[in-house]
Protein backbone atom coordinates (compact mmCIF):
# COMPACT_ATOMS: atom_id res chain seq x y z
CA MET A 1 0.00 0.00 0.00
CA ASN A 2 1.49 3.34 -1.00
CA ALA A 3 1.54 6.54 1.04
CA SER A 4 -1.56 7.93 -0.62
CA HIS A 5 -3.57 4.85 0.31
CA ASP A 6 -2.33 5.16 3.88
CA LYS A 7 -3.42 8.78 3.94
CA LEU A 8 -6.80 7.97 2.42
CA HIS A 9 -7.68 5.09 4.70
CA THR A 10 -6.62 7.06 7.74
CA GLY A 11 -9.29 9.57 6.73
CA ILE A 12 -11.90 6.91 5.99
CA SER A 13 -11.51 5.44 9.45
CA GLY A 14 -13.40 8.39 10.94
CA SER A 15 -16.49 10.36 9.97
CA LEU A 16 -16.05 9.66 6.26
CA SER A 17 -16.33 5.94 6.92
CA ASP A 18 -19.57 6.57 8.81
CA THR A 19 -20.92 8.63 5.92
CA ILE A 20 -20.12 5.91 3.41
CA ALA A 21 -21.80 3.39 5.70
CA GLY A 22 -24.89 5.58 5.64
CA LEU A 23 -24.87 5.63 1.85
CA LYS A 24 -24.56 1.84 1.78
CA SER A 25 -27.52 1.57 4.14
CA ARG A 26 -29.63 3.73 1.84
CA LEU A 27 -28.51 1.64 -1.11
CA SER A 28 -29.49 -1.63 0.56
CA ALA A 29 -32.96 -0.23 1.24
CA LEU A 30 -33.66 0.30 -2.46
CA VAL A 31 -35.98 -2.26 -4.03
CA PRO A 32 -36.07 -1.92 -7.84
CA ALA A 33 -39.53 -1.60 -9.35
CA SER A 34 -38.49 -1.45 -13.02
CA ASP A 35 -35.67 -2.36 -15.37
CA HIS A 36 -34.34 1.18 -15.16
CA GLU A 37 -34.15 0.92 -11.37
CA HIS A 38 -32.59 -2.55 -11.52
CA PHE A 39 -29.77 -1.39 -13.80
CA SER A 40 -29.41 1.90 -11.94
CA LEU A 41 -29.02 0.01 -8.66
CA ALA A 42 -26.09 -1.92 -10.13
CA ALA A 43 -24.44 1.33 -11.21
CA LEU A 44 -24.95 2.77 -7.73
CA GLU A 45 -23.34 -0.33 -6.22
CA GLU A 46 -20.29 0.33 -8.37
CA GLY A 47 -20.26 3.93 -7.15
CA ILE A 48 -20.00 2.70 -3.57
CA VAL A 49 -17.05 0.49 -4.56
CA ALA A 50 -15.37 3.56 -6.02
CA LEU A 51 -15.89 5.51 -2.80
CA GLU A 52 -14.47 2.72 -0.68
CA GLU A 53 -11.38 2.63 -2.88
CA GLY A 54 -10.91 6.38 -2.45
CA ASN A 55 -12.13 7.39 -5.89
CA TYR A 56 -15.01 9.56 -7.08
CA GLY A 57 -18.31 7.93 -6.20
CA ILE A 58 -19.49 7.18 -9.73
CA GLY A 59 -20.41 3.83 -11.28
CA ALA A 60 -21.58 2.57 -14.66
CA VAL A 61 -22.90 -0.62 -16.23
CA VAL A 62 -23.47 -1.85 -19.78
CA VAL A 63 -26.63 -3.82 -20.49
CA VAL A 64 -27.12 -6.18 -23.44
CA ASP A 65 -30.46 -7.92 -24.04
CA GLY A 66 -31.62 -7.12 -20.53
CA LYS A 67 -28.49 -8.48 -18.83
CA ILE A 68 -25.67 -6.59 -17.16
CA VAL A 69 -22.47 -7.59 -18.97
CA VAL A 70 -20.08 -4.87 -17.79
CA ARG A 71 -19.74 -3.25 -14.37
CA GLU A 72 -17.21 -0.48 -13.78
CA HIS A 73 -16.51 2.39 -11.42
CA ASN A 74 -14.40 5.52 -11.26
CA ARG A 75 -10.68 4.98 -10.73
CA VAL A 76 -9.26 8.45 -11.33
CA LEU A 77 -7.25 8.69 -8.11
CA PHE A 78 -6.36 5.11 -7.13
CA PRO A 79 -4.50 2.83 -7.55
CA ALA A 80 -2.70 5.44 -9.70
CA PHE A 81 -3.81 8.81 -11.00
CA ASP A 82 -5.63 8.36 -14.32
CA SER A 83 -7.39 11.42 -15.73
CA LYS A 84 -9.44 9.27 -18.10
CA GLY A 85 -10.45 6.74 -15.46
CA HIS A 86 -14.10 7.78 -15.38
CA ALA A 87 -16.62 5.01 -14.76
CA GLU A 88 -18.26 5.51 -18.15
CA MET A 89 -14.93 5.51 -19.99
CA ARG A 90 -13.89 2.29 -18.31
CA ALA A 91 -17.25 0.67 -19.05
CA LEU A 92 -17.03 1.63 -22.71
CA ASP A 93 -13.45 0.37 -22.88
CA GLU A 94 -14.62 -3.02 -21.69
CA MET A 95 -17.62 -3.00 -24.01
CA GLU A 96 -15.34 -2.43 -26.98
CA ARG A 97 -12.84 -5.02 -25.77
CA LEU A 98 -15.66 -7.58 -25.68
CA GLY A 99 -16.82 -6.52 -29.13
CA ILE A 100 -20.40 -5.86 -28.04
CA LYS A 101 -22.91 -3.02 -28.20
CA GLY A 102 -25.28 -2.26 -25.37
CA ASP A 103 -27.07 0.35 -23.29
CA LEU A 104 -25.11 2.42 -20.78
CA TYR A 105 -26.31 3.38 -17.29
CA GLY A 106 -24.26 5.79 -15.17
CA THR A 107 -24.80 7.35 -11.77
CA LEU A 108 -24.03 10.93 -12.81
CA GLU A 109 -24.79 13.06 -15.85
CA TRP A 110 -21.98 12.95 -18.39
CA CYS A 111 -19.02 15.30 -18.45
CA PRO A 112 -17.85 16.55 -21.89
CA MET A 113 -15.33 13.71 -22.26
CA CYS A 114 -17.77 10.93 -21.40
CA TYR A 115 -20.55 12.54 -23.43
CA THR A 116 -18.37 12.61 -26.54
CA ARG A 117 -17.11 9.07 -25.98
CA THR A 118 -20.67 7.83 -25.61
CA LEU A 119 -21.51 9.32 -28.99
CA LEU A 120 -18.48 7.79 -30.66
CA ALA A 121 -18.94 4.36 -29.05
CA GLY A 122 -22.35 3.99 -30.66
CA VAL A 123 -24.23 2.76 -27.60
CA GLY A 124 -27.89 1.98 -28.11
CA LYS A 125 -29.24 4.11 -25.29
CA ALA A 126 -27.50 5.92 -22.44
CA PHE A 127 -29.02 6.94 -19.13
CA PHE A 128 -27.73 8.85 -16.11
CA ILE A 129 -29.29 8.72 -12.65
CA ALA A 130 -28.41 12.09 -11.11
CA GLU A 131 -28.36 15.41 -12.93
CA ASP A 132 -25.27 17.59 -12.65
CA PRO A 133 -26.77 21.08 -13.17
CA GLY A 134 -24.31 23.53 -14.64
CA ASN A 135 -21.75 20.87 -15.50
CA GLY A 136 -23.54 17.97 -17.17
CA MET A 137 -23.55 18.05 -20.95
CA VAL A 138 -27.24 17.24 -21.38
CA TRP A 139 -28.09 20.07 -18.97
CA GLN A 140 -25.73 22.40 -20.82
CA LEU A 141 -27.21 21.64 -24.23
CA ARG A 142 -30.80 21.93 -23.10
CA HIS A 143 -30.53 24.97 -20.85
CA VAL A 144 -27.43 27.03 -21.64
CA ARG A 145 -26.93 26.12 -25.29
CA GLN A 146 -30.52 25.35 -26.11
CA GLN A 147 -30.24 27.01 -29.51
CA TYR A 148 -27.66 24.38 -30.49
CA TRP A 149 -29.59 21.33 -29.25
CA SER A 150 -31.53 20.72 -32.46
CA GLN A 151 -28.25 20.80 -34.40
CA SER A 152 -26.22 18.69 -31.98
CA ILE A 153 -24.81 15.30 -32.88
CA TRP A 154 -26.73 13.61 -30.09
CA HIS A 155 -30.02 15.13 -31.15
CA MET A 156 -29.50 13.55 -34.56
CA PHE A 157 -28.75 10.22 -32.92
CA ALA A 158 -31.85 10.53 -30.72
CA THR A 159 -34.05 10.87 -33.79
CA ASP A 160 -32.48 7.64 -35.03
CA GLY A 161 -33.97 5.66 -32.15
CA ARG A 162 -31.20 6.28 -29.63
CA ALA A 163 -31.50 8.27 -26.45
CA LEU A 164 -29.36 9.98 -23.85
CA ALA A 165 -31.53 10.97 -20.93
CA GLN A 166 -32.09 10.73 -17.23
CA ALA A 167 -33.07 7.24 -16.13
CA ASN A 168 -36.71 6.71 -15.22
CA VAL A 169 -36.12 6.09 -11.53
CA ARG A 170 -37.64 7.31 -8.27
CA PRO A 171 -36.23 10.35 -6.45
CA GLU A 172 -34.34 8.30 -3.88
CA TYR A 173 -32.18 6.82 -6.64
CA LYS A 174 -31.40 10.25 -8.07
CA GLN A 175 -30.59 11.69 -4.64
CA LEU A 176 -28.29 8.81 -3.75
CA GLY A 177 -26.44 9.16 -7.04
CA TRP A 178 -25.84 12.84 -6.36
CA ASP A 179 -24.93 12.37 -2.69
CA MET A 180 -22.28 9.79 -3.60
CA PHE A 181 -20.66 12.27 -5.97
CA ALA A 182 -21.01 15.23 -3.62
CA LEU A 183 -19.42 13.24 -0.80
CA THR A 184 -16.37 12.56 -2.89
CA ARG A 185 -15.97 16.12 -4.06
CA GLU A 186 -16.43 17.73 -0.67
CA GLN A 187 -14.62 15.30 1.61
CA ILE A 188 -12.20 13.00 -0.17
CA ASP A 189 -10.78 15.78 -2.34
CA LEU A 190 -10.18 17.93 0.70
CA GLN A 191 -8.47 15.14 2.60
CA LEU A 192 -6.22 14.21 -0.30
CA GLY A 193 -5.56 17.77 -1.39
CA ALA A 194 -6.56 16.56 -4.86
CA ARG A 195 -8.31 19.59 -6.27
CA THR A 196 -6.26 19.34 -9.46
CA PRO A 197 -4.37 16.55 -11.27
CA GLU A 198 -1.11 18.15 -10.12
CA THR A 199 -2.03 18.00 -6.43
CA ALA A 200 -3.45 14.51 -6.86
CA LEU A 201 -0.10 13.39 -8.21
CA ALA A 202 1.72 15.18 -5.40
CA ALA A 203 -0.41 13.36 -2.82
CA ARG A 204 0.91 9.97 -3.93
């Protein structure tokens, strides 16, 4: 275990560990009532794994013919800093390695990198659980750059039977997805001093 893991787990042993335990308790109380909730629950489970490893609390799964075939989570910070180690990027990497096409479910609305990769990967449908107002690309296109939405690449794909939208899940799923991400940003980043890639590298 390297110094950064020592530093991280020292932090997790206190209040952060209790907070993660609370998130896991909320997760275990969820009982899926639809396919969207079933697949979203799996993505949320991966987000918890990411948190426990000291990474951003985001997970993703790929679904083919109603079955989960890929499960991944964020690994940006550990075991080694990887700026492209987003849950969605890792899930799409594995999808392409397996030579399959499927639907993508993620716990948080896509950043610009993951949004673009989702377009290029040619997934059937893509769903996020929690909105990321102000930062998420779907939010940006529909609210800030609304005039460009009808001309966007994804809008053209959507008219071709594809979709990128928020998953049809109950509020408790959406809130848990956001809380997992917010926990990472507000607590783990502060403890690691990892506000930027440079300080993340310095923390190791």
